[in-house]
Amino acid sequence: MSNKIEYMDIYNEKKEKTGRIVDRKTPLKKGEFMMYVLAILERSSDGKLLITRRSLDKKWAAGAWEIPGGGSIAGETSFEAVKREVLEETGLDVTVCDESQKTPIYSYVNEDLERGDNYFVDIYHFRFPIEEKNVSIQKSEAIDHKFATIDEITELNEQSAFLHYRRLLLALGILKD
């Protein structure tokens, strides 16, 4: 894990950049938000999703399975962030996908004023031919990966081993708010 400081744009409640840039660890006040992104990477040949297993040295949810994603660094748009995160974490290039896949399919907001942990999350769904040989997991982020069906992801969730499960189902339209 890198010790470099990551700077992030601060957004208002309308999801507009405020012009303020802070260290990722900065506690936020009411009406201040950071931007995070998640990517559903669906293999078009069989509909399975690429999931990764978090490194065991992660401070939060070490060893849990998840879909790729992370924080938007200062100056990035949401799409630029998801493109970078997917490339860094999996070696895959989502710019090959058509334009219709380059906007979020689901977004949500978290406001935890007690901890100052306020953020938006944009979830993208990329469906394209993914070959196993093209997947290159970033070892500092993940220790494993696999292609899984929703049923297999549900099993992992039942073992408390999958992150963002409910949000994934909401984004895919399997669950309704």
C-alpha atoms as a PDB file:
ATOM      1  CA  MET A   1       0.000   0.000   0.000  1.00  0.00           C
ATOM      2  CA  SER A   2       1.285   3.423  -0.964  1.00  0.00           C
ATOM      3  CA  ASN A   3       2.013   6.068   1.651  1.00  0.00           C
ATOM      4  CA  LYS A   4       1.530   8.943  -0.772  1.00  0.00           C
ATOM      5  CA  ILE A   5      -1.162  11.463   0.059  1.00  0.00           C
ATOM      6  CA  GLU A   6      -4.207  11.312  -2.208  1.00  0.00           C
ATOM      7  CA  TYR A   7      -6.012  14.568  -2.860  1.00  0.00           C
ATOM      8  CA  MET A   8      -9.689  14.608  -3.729  1.00  0.00           C
ATOM      9  CA  ASP A   9     -12.144  17.209  -4.974  1.00  0.00           C
ATOM     10  CA  ILE A  10     -14.918  18.225  -2.603  1.00  0.00           C
ATOM     11  CA  TYR A  11     -18.463  18.228  -3.996  1.00  0.00           C
ATOM     12  CA  ASN A  12     -21.626  19.912  -2.711  1.00  0.00           C
ATOM     13  CA  GLU A  13     -24.953  18.131  -2.190  1.00  0.00           C
ATOM     14  CA  LYS A  14     -25.825  18.748  -5.867  1.00  0.00           C
ATOM     15  CA  LYS A  15     -22.746  16.689  -6.866  1.00  0.00           C
ATOM     16  CA  GLU A  16     -20.958  19.791  -8.134  1.00  0.00           C
ATOM     17  CA  LYS A  17     -17.254  20.396  -7.493  1.00  0.00           C
ATOM     18  CA  THR A  18     -16.757  23.207  -4.973  1.00  0.00           C
ATOM     19  CA  GLY A  19     -13.202  24.040  -6.006  1.00  0.00           C
ATOM     20  CA  ARG A  20     -11.880  22.812  -2.666  1.00  0.00           C
ATOM     21  CA  ILE A  21      -9.304  19.990  -2.697  1.00  0.00           C
ATOM     22  CA  VAL A  22      -8.385  18.041   0.432  1.00  0.00           C
ATOM     23  CA  ASP A  23      -6.370  15.052   1.599  1.00  0.00           C
ATOM     24  CA  ARG A  24      -8.488  11.881   1.352  1.00  0.00           C
ATOM     25  CA  LYS A  25      -8.341  11.450   5.151  1.00  0.00           C
ATOM     26  CA  THR A  26      -9.849  14.892   5.884  1.00  0.00           C
ATOM     27  CA  PRO A  27     -13.112  14.673   7.890  1.00  0.00           C
ATOM     28  CA  LEU A  28     -15.896  16.439   6.007  1.00  0.00           C
ATOM     29  CA  LYS A  29     -18.638  18.750   7.266  1.00  0.00           C
ATOM     30  CA  LYS A  30     -22.342  18.734   6.410  1.00  0.00           C
ATOM     31  CA  GLY A  31     -22.834  19.358   2.697  1.00  0.00           C
ATOM     32  CA  GLU A  32     -19.280  18.283   1.750  1.00  0.00           C
ATOM     33  CA  PHE A  33     -18.707  15.047  -0.167  1.00  0.00           C
ATOM     34  CA  MET A  34     -15.929  13.067  -1.859  1.00  0.00           C
ATOM     35  CA  MET A  35     -16.518  10.947  -4.992  1.00  0.00           C
ATOM     36  CA  TYR A  36     -15.994   7.204  -5.215  1.00  0.00           C
ATOM     37  CA  VAL A  37     -16.654   4.868  -8.130  1.00  0.00           C
ATOM     38  CA  LEU A  38     -17.363   1.150  -8.561  1.00  0.00           C
ATOM     39  CA  ALA A  39     -17.252  -0.922 -11.760  1.00  0.00           C
ATOM     40  CA  ILE A  40     -19.378  -3.927 -12.616  1.00  0.00           C
ATOM     41  CA  LEU A  41     -17.232  -5.735 -15.188  1.00  0.00           C
ATOM     42  CA  GLU A  42     -19.398  -8.245 -17.022  1.00  0.00           C
ATOM     43  CA  ARG A  43     -17.889 -10.769 -19.401  1.00  0.00           C
ATOM     44  CA  SER A  44     -20.116 -10.630 -22.469  1.00  0.00           C
ATOM     45  CA  SER A  45     -19.587 -14.298 -23.389  1.00  0.00           C
ATOM     46  CA  ASP A  46     -21.283 -15.712 -20.272  1.00  0.00           C
ATOM     47  CA  GLY A  47     -22.565 -12.804 -18.149  1.00  0.00           C
ATOM     48  CA  LYS A  48     -20.192 -13.545 -15.250  1.00  0.00           C
ATOM     49  CA  LEU A  49     -18.819 -10.621 -13.244  1.00  0.00           C
ATOM     50  CA  LEU A  50     -15.159 -10.045 -12.469  1.00  0.00           C
ATOM     51  CA  ILE A  51     -14.675  -9.800  -8.718  1.00  0.00           C
ATOM     52  CA  THR A  52     -11.475  -9.277  -6.765  1.00  0.00           C
ATOM     53  CA  ARG A  53     -10.389 -10.233  -3.255  1.00  0.00           C
ATOM     54  CA  ARG A  54      -8.928  -7.410  -1.183  1.00  0.00           C
ATOM     55  CA  SER A  55      -5.356  -7.649   0.097  1.00  0.00           C
ATOM     56  CA  LEU A  56      -5.003  -8.995   3.617  1.00  0.00           C
ATOM     57  CA  ASP A  57      -3.147  -5.864   4.737  1.00  0.00           C
ATOM     58  CA  LYS A  58      -6.068  -3.515   3.972  1.00  0.00           C
ATOM     59  CA  LYS A  59      -7.214  -1.517   7.011  1.00  0.00           C
ATOM     60  CA  TRP A  60     -10.878  -2.050   6.100  1.00  0.00           C
ATOM     61  CA  ALA A  61     -12.436  -5.357   4.961  1.00  0.00           C
ATOM     62  CA  ALA A  62      -9.165  -7.194   4.423  1.00  0.00           C
ATOM     63  CA  GLY A  63      -9.671 -10.385   2.419  1.00  0.00           C
ATOM     64  CA  ALA A  64     -13.237  -9.563   1.380  1.00  0.00           C
ATOM     65  CA  TRP A  65     -14.460  -9.954  -2.205  1.00  0.00           C
ATOM     66  CA  GLU A  66     -15.670  -6.896  -4.120  1.00  0.00           C
ATOM     67  CA  ILE A  67     -16.046  -5.263  -7.499  1.00  0.00           C
ATOM     68  CA  PRO A  68     -13.228  -2.924  -8.583  1.00  0.00           C
ATOM     69  CA  GLY A  69     -13.340   0.748  -7.651  1.00  0.00           C
ATOM     70  CA  GLY A  70     -11.924   3.504  -5.541  1.00  0.00           C
ATOM     71  CA  GLY A  71     -11.699   7.228  -5.000  1.00  0.00           C
ATOM     72  CA  SER A  72     -11.749   9.939  -7.622  1.00  0.00           C
ATOM     73  CA  ILE A  73      -8.546  11.952  -7.351  1.00  0.00           C
ATOM     74  CA  ALA A  74      -8.525  15.741  -7.677  1.00  0.00           C
ATOM     75  CA  GLY A  75      -9.246  16.903 -11.207  1.00  0.00           C
ATOM     76  CA  GLU A  76     -10.860  13.670 -12.405  1.00  0.00           C
ATOM     77  CA  THR A  77     -14.409  13.209 -13.588  1.00  0.00           C
ATOM     78  CA  SER A  78     -16.316  10.205 -12.305  1.00  0.00           C
ATOM     79  CA  PHE A  79     -15.705   8.341 -15.583  1.00  0.00           C
ATOM     80  CA  GLU A  80     -11.992   9.190 -15.592  1.00  0.00           C
ATOM     81  CA  ALA A  81     -11.793   7.780 -12.053  1.00  0.00           C
ATOM     82  CA  VAL A  82     -13.535   4.506 -12.914  1.00  0.00           C
ATOM     83  CA  LYS A  83     -11.411   4.119 -16.060  1.00  0.00           C
ATOM     84  CA  ARG A  84      -8.204   4.627 -14.024  1.00  0.00           C
ATOM     85  CA  GLU A  85      -9.292   2.394 -11.115  1.00  0.00           C
ATOM     86  CA  VAL A  86     -10.305  -0.487 -13.411  1.00  0.00           C
ATOM     87  CA  LEU A  87      -7.040  -0.242 -15.360  1.00  0.00           C
ATOM     88  CA  GLU A  88      -4.947  -0.079 -12.159  1.00  0.00           C
ATOM     89  CA  GLU A  89      -6.770  -2.887 -10.372  1.00  0.00           C
ATOM     90  CA  THR A  90      -7.474  -5.307 -13.242  1.00  0.00           C
ATOM     91  CA  GLY A  91      -5.399  -4.241 -16.249  1.00  0.00           C
ATOM     92  CA  LEU A  92      -8.599  -3.890 -18.288  1.00  0.00           C
ATOM     93  CA  ASP A  93      -9.412  -0.884 -20.478  1.00  0.00           C
ATOM     94  CA  VAL A  94     -13.083   0.130 -20.315  1.00  0.00           C
ATOM     95  CA  THR A  95     -12.645   2.787 -23.014  1.00  0.00           C
ATOM     96  CA  VAL A  96     -13.290  -0.022 -25.536  1.00  0.00           C
ATOM     97  CA  CYS A  97     -16.925  -0.041 -24.376  1.00  0.00           C
ATOM     98  CA  ASP A  98     -19.515   1.957 -26.289  1.00  0.00           C
ATOM     99  CA  GLU A  99     -20.579   5.416 -25.113  1.00  0.00           C
ATOM    100  CA  SER A 100     -23.814   4.146 -23.535  1.00  0.00           C
ATOM    101  CA  GLN A 101     -21.723   2.344 -20.881  1.00  0.00           C
ATOM    102  CA  LYS A 102     -19.700   5.413 -19.920  1.00  0.00           C
ATOM    103  CA  THR A 103     -22.263   6.926 -17.570  1.00  0.00           C
ATOM    104  CA  PRO A 104     -23.196   5.586 -14.125  1.00  0.00           C
ATOM    105  CA  ILE A 105     -26.146   3.192 -13.973  1.00  0.00           C
ATOM    106  CA  TYR A 106     -26.648   3.834 -10.255  1.00  0.00           C
ATOM    107  CA  SER A 107     -25.477   6.436  -7.746  1.00  0.00           C
ATOM    108  CA  TYR A 108     -25.896   6.822  -4.010  1.00  0.00           C
ATOM    109  CA  VAL A 109     -24.796   9.117  -1.236  1.00  0.00           C
ATOM    110  CA  ASN A 110     -23.438   8.420   2.241  1.00  0.00           C
ATOM    111  CA  GLU A 111     -23.419  11.137   4.871  1.00  0.00           C
ATOM    112  CA  ASP A 112     -21.825  10.167   8.177  1.00  0.00           C
ATOM    113  CA  LEU A 113     -21.392  13.471  10.007  1.00  0.00           C
ATOM    114  CA  GLU A 114     -20.126  11.810  13.170  1.00  0.00           C
ATOM    115  CA  ARG A 115     -17.093  10.420  11.325  1.00  0.00           C
ATOM    116  CA  GLY A 116     -16.972  13.105   8.618  1.00  0.00           C
ATOM    117  CA  ASP A 117     -17.233  10.300   6.065  1.00  0.00           C
ATOM    118  CA  ASN A 118     -19.426  11.828   3.373  1.00  0.00           C
ATOM    119  CA  TYR A 119     -19.300  10.599  -0.201  1.00  0.00           C
ATOM    120  CA  PHE A 120     -21.079   9.924  -3.458  1.00  0.00           C
ATOM    121  CA  VAL A 121     -20.628   6.589  -5.229  1.00  0.00           C
ATOM    122  CA  ASP A 122     -21.185   6.215  -8.973  1.00  0.00           C
ATOM    123  CA  ILE A 123     -21.557   2.625 -10.178  1.00  0.00           C
ATOM    124  CA  TYR A 124     -20.811   1.805 -13.807  1.00  0.00           C
ATOM    125  CA  HIS A 125     -21.680  -1.366 -15.723  1.00  0.00           C
ATOM    126  CA  PHE A 126     -19.257  -2.379 -18.465  1.00  0.00           C
ATOM    127  CA  ARG A 127     -20.180  -5.378 -20.598  1.00  0.00           C
ATOM    128  CA  PHE A 128     -17.449  -6.466 -23.015  1.00  0.00           C
ATOM    129  CA  PRO A 129     -15.331  -9.454 -24.059  1.00  0.00           C
ATOM    130  CA  ILE A 130     -12.926 -10.098 -21.198  1.00  0.00           C
ATOM    131  CA  GLU A 131     -10.295 -12.777 -21.600  1.00  0.00           C
ATOM    132  CA  GLU A 132      -8.661 -14.251 -18.506  1.00  0.00           C
ATOM    133  CA  LYS A 133      -5.216 -13.636 -20.036  1.00  0.00           C
ATOM    134  CA  ASN A 134      -5.944  -9.876 -20.109  1.00  0.00           C
ATOM    135  CA  VAL A 135      -6.761  -9.644 -16.395  1.00  0.00           C
ATOM    136  CA  SER A 136      -3.795  -8.395 -14.410  1.00  0.00           C
ATOM    137  CA  ILE A 137      -4.550  -7.883 -10.716  1.00  0.00           C
ATOM    138  CA  GLN A 138      -2.670  -5.142  -8.862  1.00  0.00           C
ATOM    139  CA  LYS A 139      -0.990  -7.064  -6.031  1.00  0.00           C
ATOM    140  CA  SER A 140      -1.073  -4.104  -3.609  1.00  0.00           C
ATOM    141  CA  GLU A 141      -4.869  -3.982  -3.954  1.00  0.00           C
ATOM    142  CA  ALA A 142      -5.968  -7.591  -4.418  1.00  0.00           C
ATOM    143  CA  ILE A 143      -4.773 -11.131  -3.785  1.00  0.00           C
ATOM    144  CA  ASP A 144      -7.174 -12.994  -6.074  1.00  0.00           C
ATOM    145  CA  HIS A 145      -9.865 -12.622  -8.701  1.00  0.00           C
ATOM    146  CA  LYS A 146     -12.505 -14.731 -10.381  1.00  0.00           C
ATOM    147  CA  PHE A 147     -15.488 -14.543 -12.675  1.00  0.00           C
ATOM    148  CA  ALA A 148     -18.665 -15.192 -10.695  1.00  0.00           C
ATOM    149  CA  THR A 149     -22.399 -15.475 -11.224  1.00  0.00           C
ATOM    150  CA  ILE A 150     -24.837 -13.494  -9.083  1.00  0.00           C
ATOM    151  CA  ASP A 151     -25.624 -16.757  -7.248  1.00  0.00           C
ATOM    152  CA  GLU A 152     -21.933 -17.251  -6.404  1.00  0.00           C
ATOM    153  CA  ILE A 153     -21.688 -13.617  -5.249  1.00  0.00           C
ATOM    154  CA  THR A 154     -24.808 -14.173  -3.115  1.00  0.00           C
ATOM    155  CA  GLU A 155     -23.090 -17.165  -1.475  1.00  0.00           C
ATOM    156  CA  LEU A 156     -20.042 -15.010  -0.685  1.00  0.00           C
ATOM    157  CA  ASN A 157     -22.345 -12.356   0.758  1.00  0.00           C
ATOM    158  CA  GLU A 158     -24.042 -14.939   2.979  1.00  0.00           C
ATOM    159  CA  GLN A 159     -20.580 -15.761   4.355  1.00  0.00           C
ATOM    160  CA  SER A 160     -20.096 -12.005   5.022  1.00  0.00           C
ATOM    161  CA  ALA A 161     -17.318 -12.069   2.447  1.00  0.00           C
ATOM    162  CA  PHE A 162     -18.626  -9.682  -0.256  1.00  0.00           C
ATOM    163  CA  LEU A 163     -18.671  -5.876  -0.126  1.00  0.00           C
ATOM    164  CA  HIS A 164     -21.313  -3.593  -1.675  1.00  0.00           C
ATOM    165  CA  TYR A 165     -23.660  -6.562  -2.277  1.00  0.00           C
ATOM    166  CA  ARG A 166     -26.945  -4.693  -1.838  1.00  0.00           C
ATOM    167  CA  ARG A 167     -25.708  -1.779  -3.968  1.00  0.00           C
ATOM    168  CA  LEU A 168     -24.608  -4.209  -6.688  1.00  0.00           C
ATOM    169  CA  LEU A 169     -28.085  -5.766  -6.800  1.00  0.00           C
ATOM    170  CA  LEU A 170     -29.721  -2.328  -6.839  1.00  0.00           C
ATOM    171  CA  ALA A 171     -27.463  -1.176  -9.687  1.00  0.00           C
ATOM    172  CA  LEU A 172     -28.274  -4.279 -11.727  1.00  0.00           C
ATOM    173  CA  GLY A 173     -32.007  -3.839 -11.098  1.00  0.00           C
ATOM    174  CA  ILE A 174     -32.238  -7.182  -9.233  1.00  0.00           C
ATOM    175  CA  LEU A 175     -33.330  -5.362  -6.062  1.00  0.00           C
ATOM    176  CA  LYS A 176     -35.548  -2.289  -5.886  1.00  0.00           C
ATOM    177  CA  ASP A 177     -35.054   0.593  -3.422  1.00  0.00           C
END
